[in-house]
Amino acid sequence: MDGTSSCATTAICTDTIGNYECRCSIGYRGNGHECTGILNMYNHIYRFEKYKYLNISLRICCRLLKISPFCVACEDFTFGEQCSQPCNCDQQHTVHCNSVSGMCSCKMGWEGIDCSKDVDECKEGSITCETDLQICVNTPGSAHCECRYGGVNLNRCIRK
C-alpha cells in the first residue's frame, strides 16, 4: 500500500495482503468508506455501578452521558437498561455487541443476525483463483485456492 486509504475518518483501517479493509467504528454504520452515526450522545445506555451512597440523580446523569467515574459502557456482550440483557451474538465471530440495541457487528467472513453464518467467499466472488486448474475452497470465515486436480504448489497444479 502507498500509506493512503479511502476509509472514513470514523472507520478503522486494517492492512491486508496488498490491500486494506475499512470497518466503521463502534457507534457508526456503513461500508467503512462512508460511516454514519447510529447513536447520538443521549441514547447510549450505560451501566450504573451500584454504590449505596449515591442517589438516583447519578443514574440520570449516566443516562445522559454526563460521564462520572461510576458510569461505564456495557461490557461482556450485554446491552439495555443497566446492561441487563445478554447479546445473542456468536462471540467467537463478533466484533462487538451494540450496548443500546444488542445488534451484533460481525467479523470479516461471518454474517447473520448473530454472526453465526459463514460467508461463502467463493460463491460471493470475493475470492477468485488465477487459472482453471485451481478451485476456490470455502473455509469457516475465509476461503483459499487449491489445485483442482492435485498438486501442492498453486503455480504447478497438475493438468487433467
C-alpha atoms as a PDB file:
ATOM      1  CA  MET A   1       0.000   0.000   0.000  1.00  0.00           C
ATOM      2  CA  ASP A   2       1.077   3.592  -0.509  1.00  0.00           C
ATOM      3  CA  GLY A   3       0.049   4.679   3.008  1.00  0.00           C
ATOM      4  CA  THR A   4      -3.284   6.135   1.977  1.00  0.00           C
ATOM      5  CA  SER A   5      -6.782   4.719   2.091  1.00  0.00           C
ATOM      6  CA  SER A   6     -10.291   5.889   1.379  1.00  0.00           C
ATOM      7  CA  CYS A   7     -11.599   4.840   4.807  1.00  0.00           C
ATOM      8  CA  ALA A   8     -13.935   7.246   6.576  1.00  0.00           C
ATOM      9  CA  THR A   9     -12.417   9.228   9.449  1.00  0.00           C
ATOM     10  CA  THR A  10     -14.767   7.319  11.780  1.00  0.00           C
ATOM     11  CA  ALA A  11     -13.601   3.927  10.427  1.00  0.00           C
ATOM     12  CA  ILE A  12     -10.835   1.521  11.364  1.00  0.00           C
ATOM     13  CA  CYS A  13      -8.410   0.767   8.535  1.00  0.00           C
ATOM     14  CA  THR A  14      -6.771  -2.676   8.613  1.00  0.00           C
ATOM     15  CA  ASP A  15      -3.898  -3.656   6.312  1.00  0.00           C
ATOM     16  CA  THR A  16      -4.394  -6.877   4.373  1.00  0.00           C
ATOM     17  CA  ILE A  17      -2.066  -8.529   1.861  1.00  0.00           C
ATOM     18  CA  GLY A  18      -1.762  -5.980  -0.948  1.00  0.00           C
ATOM     19  CA  ASN A  19      -4.895  -4.123   0.132  1.00  0.00           C
ATOM     20  CA  TYR A  20      -6.802  -2.819   3.148  1.00  0.00           C
ATOM     21  CA  GLU A  21     -10.218  -3.130   4.814  1.00  0.00           C
ATOM     22  CA  CYS A  22     -12.357  -0.342   6.218  1.00  0.00           C
ATOM     23  CA  ARG A  23     -14.850  -1.046   9.028  1.00  0.00           C
ATOM     24  CA  CYS A  24     -16.977   1.586  10.695  1.00  0.00           C
ATOM     25  CA  SER A  25     -16.124   2.200  14.342  1.00  0.00           C
ATOM     26  CA  ILE A  26     -18.482   1.306  17.164  1.00  0.00           C
ATOM     27  CA  GLY A  27     -21.492   3.615  17.088  1.00  0.00           C
ATOM     28  CA  TYR A  28     -21.350   4.034  13.305  1.00  0.00           C
ATOM     29  CA  ARG A  29     -22.684   2.028  10.390  1.00  0.00           C
ATOM     30  CA  GLY A  30     -21.802   1.861   6.734  1.00  0.00           C
ATOM     31  CA  ASN A  31     -19.339   0.242   4.372  1.00  0.00           C
ATOM     32  CA  GLY A  32     -16.227   1.659   6.027  1.00  0.00           C
ATOM     33  CA  HIS A  33     -15.690   4.244   3.320  1.00  0.00           C
ATOM     34  CA  GLU A  34     -18.799   6.113   4.465  1.00  0.00           C
ATOM     35  CA  CYS A  35     -19.899   5.783   8.099  1.00  0.00           C
ATOM     36  CA  THR A  36     -22.874   7.476   9.729  1.00  0.00           C
ATOM     37  CA  GLY A  37     -23.543   7.691  13.444  1.00  0.00           C
ATOM     38  CA  ILE A  38     -26.276   5.394  14.665  1.00  0.00           C
ATOM     39  CA  LEU A  39     -26.284   6.779  18.172  1.00  0.00           C
ATOM     40  CA  ASN A  40     -26.222  10.274  19.471  1.00  0.00           C
ATOM     41  CA  MET A  41     -24.758  11.167  22.836  1.00  0.00           C
ATOM     42  CA  TYR A  42     -28.105  10.951  24.618  1.00  0.00           C
ATOM     43  CA  ASN A  43     -29.186   7.457  23.713  1.00  0.00           C
ATOM     44  CA  HIS A  44     -26.177   5.396  24.736  1.00  0.00           C
ATOM     45  CA  ILE A  45     -27.119   3.184  27.641  1.00  0.00           C
ATOM     46  CA  TYR A  46     -24.604   2.974  30.405  1.00  0.00           C
ATOM     47  CA  ARG A  47     -24.414   0.675  33.367  1.00  0.00           C
ATOM     48  CA  PHE A  48     -24.708   2.356  36.746  1.00  0.00           C
ATOM     49  CA  GLU A  49     -22.190   0.907  39.140  1.00  0.00           C
ATOM     50  CA  LYS A  50     -24.189   0.295  42.284  1.00  0.00           C
ATOM     51  CA  TYR A  51     -22.658   2.340  45.067  1.00  0.00           C
ATOM     52  CA  LYS A  52     -25.025   2.517  48.028  1.00  0.00           C
ATOM     53  CA  TYR A  53     -24.060   6.049  48.972  1.00  0.00           C
ATOM     54  CA  LEU A  54     -25.052   7.510  45.594  1.00  0.00           C
ATOM     55  CA  ASN A  55     -28.565   8.702  44.846  1.00  0.00           C
ATOM     56  CA  ILE A  56     -30.858   8.427  41.821  1.00  0.00           C
ATOM     57  CA  SER A  57     -29.571  11.644  40.247  1.00  0.00           C
ATOM     58  CA  LEU A  58     -26.344   9.880  39.274  1.00  0.00           C
ATOM     59  CA  ARG A  59     -28.375   7.304  37.326  1.00  0.00           C
ATOM     60  CA  ILE A  60     -29.954  10.133  35.341  1.00  0.00           C
ATOM     61  CA  CYS A  61     -26.543  11.692  34.704  1.00  0.00           C
ATOM     62  CA  CYS A  62     -25.236   8.368  33.477  1.00  0.00           C
ATOM     63  CA  ARG A  63     -28.090   8.023  31.007  1.00  0.00           C
ATOM     64  CA  LEU A  64     -27.437  11.486  29.632  1.00  0.00           C
ATOM     65  CA  LEU A  65     -23.749  10.663  29.289  1.00  0.00           C
ATOM     66  CA  LYS A  66     -22.601  13.261  31.726  1.00  0.00           C
ATOM     67  CA  ILE A  67     -19.954  10.719  32.495  1.00  0.00           C
ATOM     68  CA  SER A  68     -18.759  10.165  36.010  1.00  0.00           C
ATOM     69  CA  PRO A  69     -16.322   7.545  37.305  1.00  0.00           C
ATOM     70  CA  PHE A  70     -19.342   5.443  38.267  1.00  0.00           C
ATOM     71  CA  CYS A  71     -20.724   5.065  34.745  1.00  0.00           C
ATOM     72  CA  VAL A  72     -19.173   2.628  32.283  1.00  0.00           C
ATOM     73  CA  ALA A  73     -20.293   1.361  28.883  1.00  0.00           C
ATOM     74  CA  CYS A  74     -21.904  -2.085  28.767  1.00  0.00           C
ATOM     75  CA  GLU A  75     -19.361  -4.871  28.538  1.00  0.00           C
ATOM     76  CA  ASP A  76     -19.258  -8.654  28.287  1.00  0.00           C
ATOM     77  CA  PHE A  77     -21.819  -8.865  25.468  1.00  0.00           C
ATOM     78  CA  THR A  78     -24.650  -7.206  27.381  1.00  0.00           C
ATOM     79  CA  PHE A  79     -26.965  -4.366  26.419  1.00  0.00           C
ATOM     80  CA  GLY A  80     -30.010  -2.399  27.514  1.00  0.00           C
ATOM     81  CA  GLU A  81     -31.091  -0.797  30.764  1.00  0.00           C
ATOM     82  CA  GLN A  82     -28.452  -1.439  33.426  1.00  0.00           C
ATOM     83  CA  CYS A  83     -26.758  -3.718  30.846  1.00  0.00           C
ATOM     84  CA  SER A  84     -29.165  -6.414  31.982  1.00  0.00           C
ATOM     85  CA  GLN A  85     -29.824  -8.156  28.643  1.00  0.00           C
ATOM     86  CA  PRO A  86     -27.400 -10.680  27.134  1.00  0.00           C
ATOM     87  CA  CYS A  87     -26.465 -10.165  23.491  1.00  0.00           C
ATOM     88  CA  ASN A  88     -27.386 -13.114  21.285  1.00  0.00           C
ATOM     89  CA  CYS A  89     -24.158 -12.941  19.283  1.00  0.00           C
ATOM     90  CA  ASP A  90     -21.794 -15.784  18.482  1.00  0.00           C
ATOM     91  CA  GLN A  91     -18.947 -14.191  20.430  1.00  0.00           C
ATOM     92  CA  GLN A  92     -16.252 -16.065  18.501  1.00  0.00           C
ATOM     93  CA  HIS A  93     -17.377 -14.388  15.251  1.00  0.00           C
ATOM     94  CA  THR A  94     -18.489 -10.995  16.602  1.00  0.00           C
ATOM     95  CA  VAL A  95     -16.507  -7.750  16.791  1.00  0.00           C
ATOM     96  CA  HIS A  96     -18.885  -6.162  19.289  1.00  0.00           C
ATOM     97  CA  CYS A  97     -22.462  -6.024  20.519  1.00  0.00           C
ATOM     98  CA  ASN A  98     -24.227  -2.642  20.451  1.00  0.00           C
ATOM     99  CA  SER A  99     -24.887  -1.609  24.062  1.00  0.00           C
ATOM    100  CA  VAL A 100     -28.198   0.027  23.126  1.00  0.00           C
ATOM    101  CA  SER A 101     -29.796  -2.310  20.588  1.00  0.00           C
ATOM    102  CA  GLY A 102     -27.978  -5.600  21.203  1.00  0.00           C
ATOM    103  CA  MET A 103     -27.206  -5.822  17.461  1.00  0.00           C
ATOM    104  CA  CYS A 104     -24.102  -7.814  16.549  1.00  0.00           C
ATOM    105  CA  SER A 105     -21.275  -6.490  14.342  1.00  0.00           C
ATOM    106  CA  CYS A 106     -19.701  -9.496  12.649  1.00  0.00           C
ATOM    107  CA  LYS A 107     -16.040 -10.202  11.983  1.00  0.00           C
ATOM    108  CA  MET A 108     -14.957 -10.480   8.348  1.00  0.00           C
ATOM    109  CA  GLY A 109     -16.155 -13.751   6.837  1.00  0.00           C
ATOM    110  CA  TRP A 110     -19.260 -14.010   9.061  1.00  0.00           C
ATOM    111  CA  GLU A 111     -22.802 -12.668   8.769  1.00  0.00           C
ATOM    112  CA  GLY A 112     -26.313 -13.070  10.107  1.00  0.00           C
ATOM    113  CA  ILE A 113     -28.210 -11.536  12.976  1.00  0.00           C
ATOM    114  CA  ASP A 114     -25.989 -13.393  15.453  1.00  0.00           C
ATOM    115  CA  CYS A 115     -22.821 -13.627  13.276  1.00  0.00           C
ATOM    116  CA  SER A 116     -23.029 -17.426  13.109  1.00  0.00           C
ATOM    117  CA  LYS A 117     -23.398 -17.779   9.325  1.00  0.00           C
ATOM    118  CA  ASP A 118     -20.214 -18.318   7.345  1.00  0.00           C
ATOM    119  CA  VAL A 119     -19.903 -16.114   4.251  1.00  0.00           C
ATOM    120  CA  ASP A 120     -19.141 -18.271   1.208  1.00  0.00           C
ATOM    121  CA  GLU A 121     -16.453 -16.097  -0.368  1.00  0.00           C
ATOM    122  CA  CYS A 122     -16.201 -18.486  -3.340  1.00  0.00           C
ATOM    123  CA  LYS A 123     -19.894 -18.157  -4.299  1.00  0.00           C
ATOM    124  CA  GLU A 124     -19.826 -14.446  -3.485  1.00  0.00           C
ATOM    125  CA  GLY A 125     -16.862 -13.974  -5.821  1.00  0.00           C
ATOM    126  CA  SER A 126     -14.681 -12.120  -3.326  1.00  0.00           C
ATOM    127  CA  ILE A 127     -12.027 -14.842  -3.726  1.00  0.00           C
ATOM    128  CA  THR A 128     -11.090 -15.817  -7.269  1.00  0.00           C
ATOM    129  CA  CYS A 129      -8.426 -18.259  -8.359  1.00  0.00           C
ATOM    130  CA  GLU A 130      -5.879 -17.453 -11.067  1.00  0.00           C
ATOM    131  CA  THR A 131      -6.443 -20.347 -13.503  1.00  0.00           C
ATOM    132  CA  ASP A 132      -8.938 -23.078 -14.349  1.00  0.00           C
ATOM    133  CA  LEU A 133      -6.506 -25.534 -12.759  1.00  0.00           C
ATOM    134  CA  GLN A 134      -7.342 -24.001  -9.381  1.00  0.00           C
ATOM    135  CA  ILE A 135     -10.553 -24.165  -7.397  1.00  0.00           C
ATOM    136  CA  CYS A 136     -11.830 -21.909  -4.631  1.00  0.00           C
ATOM    137  CA  VAL A 137     -12.426 -23.736  -1.344  1.00  0.00           C
ATOM    138  CA  ASN A 138     -14.611 -22.066   1.280  1.00  0.00           C
ATOM    139  CA  THR A 139     -13.469 -22.454   4.896  1.00  0.00           C
ATOM    140  CA  PRO A 140     -15.084 -21.144   8.102  1.00  0.00           C
ATOM    141  CA  GLY A 141     -14.638 -17.371   7.994  1.00  0.00           C
ATOM    142  CA  SER A 142     -12.428 -17.381   4.908  1.00  0.00           C
ATOM    143  CA  ALA A 143     -11.555 -19.146   1.624  1.00  0.00           C
ATOM    144  CA  HIS A 144      -8.490 -20.117  -0.385  1.00  0.00           C
ATOM    145  CA  CYS A 145      -7.473 -21.633  -3.717  1.00  0.00           C
ATOM    146  CA  GLU A 146      -6.271 -25.193  -4.192  1.00  0.00           C
ATOM    147  CA  CYS A 147      -5.164 -27.187  -7.216  1.00  0.00           C
ATOM    148  CA  ARG A 148      -8.257 -28.706  -8.845  1.00  0.00           C
ATOM    149  CA  TYR A 149      -6.612 -31.993  -9.948  1.00  0.00           C
ATOM    150  CA  GLY A 150      -3.795 -32.249  -7.430  1.00  0.00           C
ATOM    151  CA  GLY A 151      -0.520 -30.656  -6.560  1.00  0.00           C
ATOM    152  CA  VAL A 152       0.552 -28.544  -3.614  1.00  0.00           C
ATOM    153  CA  ASN A 153       2.099 -25.574  -5.398  1.00  0.00           C
ATOM    154  CA  LEU A 154      -0.566 -23.344  -6.976  1.00  0.00           C
ATOM    155  CA  ASN A 155       1.941 -22.400  -9.684  1.00  0.00           C
ATOM    156  CA  ARG A 156       2.390 -26.062 -10.630  1.00  0.00           C
ATOM    157  CA  CYS A 157      -1.075 -27.614 -10.476  1.00  0.00           C
ATOM    158  CA  ILE A 158      -1.489 -30.975 -12.212  1.00  0.00           C
ATOM    159  CA  ARG A 159      -3.348 -30.885 -15.536  1.00  0.00           C
ATOM    160  CA  LYS A 160      -6.072 -33.467 -16.095  1.00  0.00           C
END
